[in-house]
Amino acid sequence: MTPEHPSKGTVLLVEDEASIADLVRLYLERDGFRVVWRTDGPSGLAAVDAERPRLVLLVATREARQRIT
């Protein structure tokens, strides 16, 4: 972002598929957000503390959701 176009804030994206993460990042950055990408839950949780994002996007597969519950 530039001084003329400040960031709208940080979005933390937790997604293990690079192609999906790249697409989501493209749209968010184009709309003025700073995107922090992590590939798994533990590093995503650490990034929540370190980055203090406005929004967390967690993409979970069915298998991952079953492990959570």
PDB file of N, CA and C in Angstrom:
ATOM      1  N   MET A   1       0.827  -1.171   0.000  1.00  0.00           N
ATOM      2  CA  MET A   1       0.000   0.000   0.000  1.00  0.00           C
ATOM      3  C   MET A   1       0.881   1.247   0.000  1.00  0.00           C
ATOM      4  N   THR A   2       0.335   2.295  -0.514  1.00  0.00           N
ATOM      5  CA  THR A   2       1.064   3.553  -0.590  1.00  0.00           C
ATOM      6  C   THR A   2       0.393   4.563   0.331  1.00  0.00           C
ATOM      7  N   PRO A   3       1.061   5.693   0.617  1.00  0.00           N
ATOM      8  CA  PRO A   3       0.416   6.711   1.451  1.00  0.00           C
ATOM      9  C   PRO A   3      -0.908   7.196   0.859  1.00  0.00           C
ATOM     10  N   GLU A   4      -1.007   7.199  -0.467  1.00  0.00           N
ATOM     11  CA  GLU A   4      -2.255   7.633  -1.091  1.00  0.00           C
ATOM     12  C   GLU A   4      -3.352   6.582  -0.951  1.00  0.00           C
ATOM     13  N   HIS A   5      -2.945   5.320  -0.773  1.00  0.00           N
ATOM     14  CA  HIS A   5      -3.884   4.204  -0.671  1.00  0.00           C
ATOM     15  C   HIS A   5      -3.522   3.347   0.546  1.00  0.00           C
ATOM     16  N   PRO A   6      -3.868   3.800   1.745  1.00  0.00           N
ATOM     17  CA  PRO A   6      -3.496   3.035   2.941  1.00  0.00           C
ATOM     18  C   PRO A   6      -4.238   1.701   2.997  1.00  0.00           C
ATOM     19  N   SER A   7      -3.680   0.767   3.731  1.00  0.00           N
ATOM     20  CA  SER A   7      -4.274  -0.554   3.890  1.00  0.00           C
ATOM     21  C   SER A   7      -5.587  -0.453   4.659  1.00  0.00           C
ATOM     22  N   LYS A   8      -6.532  -1.300   4.291  1.00  0.00           N
ATOM     23  CA  LYS A   8      -7.802  -1.391   5.012  1.00  0.00           C
ATOM     24  C   LYS A   8      -7.662  -2.256   6.254  1.00  0.00           C
ATOM     25  N   GLY A   9      -6.512  -2.838   6.450  1.00  0.00           N
ATOM     26  CA  GLY A   9      -6.279  -3.706   7.597  1.00  0.00           C
ATOM     27  C   GLY A   9      -5.700  -5.030   7.137  1.00  0.00           C
ATOM     28  N   THR A  10      -5.419  -5.861   8.112  1.00  0.00           N
ATOM     29  CA  THR A  10      -4.785  -7.149   7.848  1.00  0.00           C
ATOM     30  C   THR A  10      -5.815  -8.263   7.893  1.00  0.00           C
ATOM     31  N   VAL A  11      -5.736  -9.156   6.921  1.00  0.00           N
ATOM     32  CA  VAL A  11      -6.548 -10.366   6.884  1.00  0.00           C
ATOM     33  C   VAL A  11      -5.601 -11.549   7.005  1.00  0.00           C
ATOM     34  N   LEU A  12      -5.889 -12.431   7.941  1.00  0.00           N
ATOM     35  CA  LEU A  12      -5.125 -13.666   8.079  1.00  0.00           C
ATOM     36  C   LEU A  12      -5.858 -14.756   7.322  1.00  0.00           C
ATOM     37  N   LEU A  13      -5.172 -15.360   6.372  1.00  0.00           N
ATOM     38  CA  LEU A  13      -5.724 -16.433   5.555  1.00  0.00           C
ATOM     39  C   LEU A  13      -5.028 -17.734   5.937  1.00  0.00           C
ATOM     40  N   VAL A  14      -5.809 -18.705   6.412  1.00  0.00           N
ATOM     41  CA  VAL A  14      -5.263 -20.012   6.761  1.00  0.00           C
ATOM     42  C   VAL A  14      -5.797 -21.006   5.737  1.00  0.00           C
ATOM     43  N   GLU A  15      -4.906 -21.430   4.841  1.00  0.00           N
ATOM     44  CA  GLU A  15      -5.283 -22.308   3.722  1.00  0.00           C
ATOM     45  C   GLU A  15      -4.052 -23.091   3.304  1.00  0.00           C
ATOM     46  N   ASP A  16      -4.192 -24.415   3.152  1.00  0.00           N
ATOM     47  CA  ASP A  16      -3.026 -25.223   2.812  1.00  0.00           C
ATOM     48  C   ASP A  16      -2.800 -25.372   1.315  1.00  0.00           C
ATOM     49  N   GLU A  17      -3.742 -24.989   0.493  1.00  0.00           N
ATOM     50  CA  GLU A  17      -3.586 -25.075  -0.962  1.00  0.00           C
ATOM     51  C   GLU A  17      -3.097 -23.728  -1.509  1.00  0.00           C
ATOM     52  N   ALA A  18      -1.895 -23.727  -2.064  1.00  0.00           N
ATOM     53  CA  ALA A  18      -1.298 -22.478  -2.542  1.00  0.00           C
ATOM     54  C   ALA A  18      -2.131 -21.820  -3.635  1.00  0.00           C
ATOM     55  N   SER A  19      -2.710 -22.607  -4.534  1.00  0.00           N
ATOM     56  CA  SER A  19      -3.476 -22.009  -5.633  1.00  0.00           C
ATOM     57  C   SER A  19      -4.721 -21.283  -5.120  1.00  0.00           C
ATOM     58  N   ILE A  20      -5.358 -21.837  -4.116  1.00  0.00           N
ATOM     59  CA  ILE A  20      -6.534 -21.173  -3.527  1.00  0.00           C
ATOM     60  C   ILE A  20      -6.095 -19.924  -2.776  1.00  0.00           C
ATOM     61  N   ALA A  21      -5.027 -20.051  -1.994  1.00  0.00           N
ATOM     62  CA  ALA A  21      -4.529 -18.909  -1.236  1.00  0.00           C
ATOM     63  C   ALA A  21      -4.121 -17.766  -2.165  1.00  0.00           C
ATOM     64  N   ASP A  22      -3.477 -18.082  -3.285  1.00  0.00           N
ATOM     65  CA  ASP A  22      -3.067 -17.047  -4.234  1.00  0.00           C
ATOM     66  C   ASP A  22      -4.273 -16.301  -4.796  1.00  0.00           C
ATOM     67  N   LEU A  23      -5.329 -17.027  -5.116  1.00  0.00           N
ATOM     68  CA  LEU A  23      -6.530 -16.399  -5.665  1.00  0.00           C
ATOM     69  C   LEU A  23      -7.204 -15.490  -4.634  1.00  0.00           C
ATOM     70  N   VAL A  24      -7.355 -15.990  -3.418  1.00  0.00           N
ATOM     71  CA  VAL A  24      -7.980 -15.185  -2.353  1.00  0.00           C
ATOM     72  C   VAL A  24      -7.124 -13.959  -2.071  1.00  0.00           C
ATOM     73  N   ARG A  25      -5.820 -14.157  -1.994  1.00  0.00           N
ATOM     74  CA  ARG A  25      -4.909 -13.036  -1.730  1.00  0.00           C
ATOM     75  C   ARG A  25      -5.021 -11.971  -2.819  1.00  0.00           C
ATOM     76  N   LEU A  26      -5.088 -12.404  -4.067  1.00  0.00           N
ATOM     77  CA  LEU A  26      -5.204 -11.478  -5.190  1.00  0.00           C
ATOM     78  C   LEU A  26      -6.399 -10.551  -5.015  1.00  0.00           C
ATOM     79  N   TYR A  27      -7.559 -11.119  -4.707  1.00  0.00           N
ATOM     80  CA  TYR A  27      -8.762 -10.306  -4.537  1.00  0.00           C
ATOM     81  C   TYR A  27      -8.678  -9.400  -3.313  1.00  0.00           C
ATOM     82  N   LEU A  28      -8.190  -9.919  -2.215  1.00  0.00           N
ATOM     83  CA  LEU A  28      -8.115  -9.098  -1.002  1.00  0.00           C
ATOM     84  C   LEU A  28      -7.119  -7.954  -1.156  1.00  0.00           C
ATOM     85  N   GLU A  29      -5.956  -8.243  -1.726  1.00  0.00           N
ATOM     86  CA  GLU A  29      -4.967  -7.180  -1.909  1.00  0.00           C
ATOM     87  C   GLU A  29      -5.445  -6.142  -2.901  1.00  0.00           C
ATOM     88  N   ARG A  30      -6.141  -6.567  -3.929  1.00  0.00           N
ATOM     89  CA  ARG A  30      -6.694  -5.622  -4.897  1.00  0.00           C
ATOM     90  C   ARG A  30      -7.710  -4.685  -4.232  1.00  0.00           C
ATOM     91  N   ASP A  31      -8.387  -5.194  -3.204  1.00  0.00           N
ATOM     92  CA  ASP A  31      -9.354  -4.364  -2.476  1.00  0.00           C
ATOM     93  C   ASP A  31      -8.725  -3.583  -1.330  1.00  0.00           C
ATOM     94  N   GLY A  32      -7.396  -3.642  -1.197  1.00  0.00           N
ATOM     95  CA  GLY A  32      -6.706  -2.786  -0.241  1.00  0.00           C
ATOM     96  C   GLY A  32      -6.353  -3.414   1.085  1.00  0.00           C
ATOM     97  N   PHE A  33      -6.469  -4.725   1.209  1.00  0.00           N
ATOM     98  CA  PHE A  33      -6.122  -5.395   2.450  1.00  0.00           C
ATOM     99  C   PHE A  33      -4.698  -5.940   2.392  1.00  0.00           C
ATOM    100  N   ARG A  34      -4.063  -5.967   3.530  1.00  0.00           N
ATOM    101  CA  ARG A  34      -2.789  -6.663   3.674  1.00  0.00           C
ATOM    102  C   ARG A  34      -3.133  -8.099   4.052  1.00  0.00           C
ATOM    103  N   VAL A  35      -2.524  -9.067   3.369  1.00  0.00           N
ATOM    104  CA  VAL A  35      -2.849 -10.470   3.597  1.00  0.00           C
ATOM    105  C   VAL A  35      -1.648 -11.194   4.179  1.00  0.00           C
ATOM    106  N   VAL A  36      -1.894 -11.897   5.280  1.00  0.00           N
ATOM    107  CA  VAL A  36      -0.898 -12.774   5.881  1.00  0.00           C
ATOM    108  C   VAL A  36      -1.405 -14.198   5.658  1.00  0.00           C
ATOM    109  N   TRP A  37      -0.582 -15.033   5.043  1.00  0.00           N
ATOM    110  CA  TRP A  37      -0.999 -16.395   4.702  1.00  0.00           C
ATOM    111  C   TRP A  37      -0.245 -17.412   5.548  1.00  0.00           C
ATOM    112  N   ARG A  38      -0.999 -18.312   6.143  1.00  0.00           N
ATOM    113  CA  ARG A  38      -0.431 -19.443   6.877  1.00  0.00           C
ATOM    114  C   ARG A  38      -1.064 -20.717   6.338  1.00  0.00           C
ATOM    115  N   THR A  39      -0.339 -21.820   6.446  1.00  0.00           N
ATOM    116  CA  THR A  39      -0.791 -23.061   5.825  1.00  0.00           C
ATOM    117  C   THR A  39      -1.397 -24.065   6.798  1.00  0.00           C
ATOM    118  N   ASP A  40      -1.367 -23.771   8.095  1.00  0.00           N
ATOM    119  CA  ASP A  40      -1.943 -24.723   9.047  1.00  0.00           C
ATOM    120  C   ASP A  40      -2.450 -24.007  10.289  1.00  0.00           C
ATOM    121  N   GLY A  41      -3.218 -24.729  11.075  1.00  0.00           N
ATOM    122  CA  GLY A  41      -3.834 -24.157  12.264  1.00  0.00           C
ATOM    123  C   GLY A  41      -2.865 -23.612  13.292  1.00  0.00           C
ATOM    124  N   PRO A  42      -1.839 -24.381  13.689  1.00  0.00           N
ATOM    125  CA  PRO A  42      -0.915 -23.866  14.702  1.00  0.00           C
ATOM    126  C   PRO A  42      -0.208 -22.567  14.288  1.00  0.00           C
ATOM    127  N   SER A  43       0.257 -22.504  13.041  1.00  0.00           N
ATOM    128  CA  SER A  43       0.912 -21.262  12.609  1.00  0.00           C
ATOM    129  C   SER A  43      -0.114 -20.144  12.438  1.00  0.00           C
ATOM    130  N   GLY A  44      -1.350 -20.497  12.104  1.00  0.00           N
ATOM    131  CA  GLY A  44      -2.418 -19.506  12.031  1.00  0.00           C
ATOM    132  C   GLY A  44      -2.720 -18.904  13.389  1.00  0.00           C
ATOM    133  N   LEU A  45      -2.774 -19.755  14.416  1.00  0.00           N
ATOM    134  CA  LEU A  45      -3.018 -19.248  15.777  1.00  0.00           C
ATOM    135  C   LEU A  45      -1.887 -18.328  16.225  1.00  0.00           C
ATOM    136  N   ALA A  46      -0.660 -18.696  15.913  1.00  0.00           N
ATOM    137  CA  ALA A  46       0.474 -17.837  16.275  1.00  0.00           C
ATOM    138  C   ALA A  46       0.377 -16.495  15.556  1.00  0.00           C
ATOM    139  N   ALA A  47      -0.071 -16.512  14.306  1.00  0.00           N
ATOM    140  CA  ALA A  47      -0.189 -15.277  13.531  1.00  0.00           C
ATOM    141  C   ALA A  47      -1.295 -14.375  14.077  1.00  0.00           C
ATOM    142  N   VAL A  48      -2.323 -14.951  14.682  1.00  0.00           N
ATOM    143  CA  VAL A  48      -3.375 -14.127  15.288  1.00  0.00           C
ATOM    144  C   VAL A  48      -2.760 -13.241  16.365  1.00  0.00           C
ATOM    145  N   ASP A  49      -1.914 -13.822  17.207  1.00  0.00           N
ATOM    146  CA  ASP A  49      -1.265 -13.036  18.265  1.00  0.00           C
ATOM    147  C   ASP A  49      -0.273 -12.035  17.699  1.00  0.00           C
ATOM    148  N   ALA A  50       0.502 -12.462  16.705  1.00  0.00           N
ATOM    149  CA  ALA A  50       1.568 -11.607  16.177  1.00  0.00           C
ATOM    150  C   ALA A  50       1.042 -10.492  15.278  1.00  0.00           C
ATOM    151  N   GLU A  51       0.028 -10.783  14.483  1.00  0.00           N
ATOM    152  CA  GLU A  51      -0.429  -9.835  13.454  1.00  0.00           C
ATOM    153  C   GLU A  51      -1.653  -9.023  13.854  1.00  0.00           C
ATOM    154  N   ARG A  52      -2.440  -9.523  14.782  1.00  0.00           N
ATOM    155  CA  ARG A  52      -3.675  -8.852  15.226  1.00  0.00           C
ATOM    156  C   ARG A  52      -4.566  -8.489  14.027  1.00  0.00           C
ATOM    157  N   PRO A  53      -4.971  -9.485  13.231  1.00  0.00           N
ATOM    158  CA  PRO A  53      -5.747  -9.202  12.017  1.00  0.00           C
ATOM    159  C   PRO A  53      -7.161  -8.720  12.321  1.00  0.00           C
ATOM    160  N   ARG A  54      -7.737  -8.003  11.371  1.00  0.00           N
ATOM    161  CA  ARG A  54      -9.134  -7.584  11.456  1.00  0.00           C
ATOM    162  C   ARG A  54     -10.067  -8.748  11.181  1.00  0.00           C
ATOM    163  N   LEU A  55      -9.591  -9.683  10.354  1.00  0.00           N
ATOM    164  CA  LEU A  55     -10.408 -10.813   9.923  1.00  0.00           C
ATOM    165  C   LEU A  55      -9.522 -12.037   9.748  1.00  0.00           C
ATOM    166  N   VAL A  56     -10.050 -13.205  10.137  1.00  0.00           N
ATOM    167  CA  VAL A  56      -9.368 -14.474   9.906  1.00  0.00           C
ATOM    168  C   VAL A  56     -10.243 -15.302   8.976  1.00  0.00           C
ATOM    169  N   LEU A  57      -9.657 -15.729   7.863  1.00  0.00           N
ATOM    170  CA  LEU A  57     -10.337 -16.638   6.944  1.00  0.00           C
ATOM    171  C   LEU A  57      -9.690 -18.002   7.100  1.00  0.00           C
ATOM    172  N   LEU A  58     -10.459 -18.942   7.618  1.00  0.00           N
ATOM    173  CA  LEU A  58      -9.963 -20.292   7.846  1.00  0.00           C
ATOM    174  C   LEU A  58     -10.692 -21.220   6.890  1.00  0.00           C
ATOM    175  N   VAL A  59      -9.948 -21.808   5.980  1.00  0.00           N
ATOM    176  CA  VAL A  59     -10.520 -22.743   5.024  1.00  0.00           C
ATOM    177  C   VAL A  59     -10.224 -24.139   5.554  1.00  0.00           C
ATOM    178  N   ALA A  60     -11.275 -24.855   5.926  1.00  0.00           N
ATOM    179  CA  ALA A  60     -11.091 -26.174   6.530  1.00  0.00           C
ATOM    180  C   ALA A  60     -11.748 -27.253   5.682  1.00  0.00           C
ATOM    181  N   THR A  61     -11.010 -28.306   5.446  1.00  0.00           N
ATOM    182  CA  THR A  61     -11.569 -29.451   4.743  1.00  0.00           C
ATOM    183  C   THR A  61     -12.492 -30.218   5.678  1.00  0.00           C
ATOM    184  N   ARG A  62     -13.255 -31.103   5.131  1.00  0.00           N
ATOM    185  CA  ARG A  62     -14.148 -31.925   5.953  1.00  0.00           C
ATOM    186  C   ARG A  62     -13.347 -32.705   6.993  1.00  0.00           C
ATOM    187  N   GLU A  63     -12.200 -33.236   6.597  1.00  0.00           N
ATOM    188  CA  GLU A  63     -11.371 -34.001   7.534  1.00  0.00           C
ATOM    189  C   GLU A  63     -10.868 -33.118   8.673  1.00  0.00           C
ATOM    190  N   ALA A  64     -10.461 -31.917   8.339  1.00  0.00           N
ATOM    191  CA  ALA A  64      -9.985 -30.993   9.372  1.00  0.00           C
ATOM    192  C   ALA A  64     -11.116 -30.606  10.310  1.00  0.00           C
ATOM    193  N   ARG A  65     -12.303 -30.372   9.785  1.00  0.00           N
ATOM    194  CA  ARG A  65     -13.440 -30.024  10.635  1.00  0.00           C
ATOM    195  C   ARG A  65     -13.772 -31.167  11.570  1.00  0.00           C
ATOM    196  N   GLN A  66     -13.649 -32.390  11.120  1.00  0.00           N
ATOM    197  CA  GLN A  66     -13.931 -33.539  11.973  1.00  0.00           C
ATOM    198  C   GLN A  66     -12.907 -33.657  13.110  1.00  0.00           C
ATOM    199  N   ARG A  67     -11.667 -33.276  12.861  1.00  0.00           N
ATOM    200  CA  ARG A  67     -10.652 -33.309  13.912  1.00  0.00           C
ATOM    201  C   ARG A  67     -10.895 -32.230  14.946  1.00  0.00           C
ATOM    202  N   ILE A  68     -11.530 -31.126  14.558  1.00  0.00           N
ATOM    203  CA  ILE A  68     -11.791 -30.012  15.473  1.00  0.00           C
ATOM    204  C   ILE A  68     -12.879 -30.385  16.473  1.00  0.00           C
ATOM    205  N   THR A  69     -13.909 -31.095  16.005  1.00  0.00           N
ATOM    206  CA  THR A  69     -15.059 -31.390  16.872  1.00  0.00           C
ATOM    207  C   THR A  69     -14.830 -32.556  17.780  1.00  0.00           C
TER     208      THR A  69
END
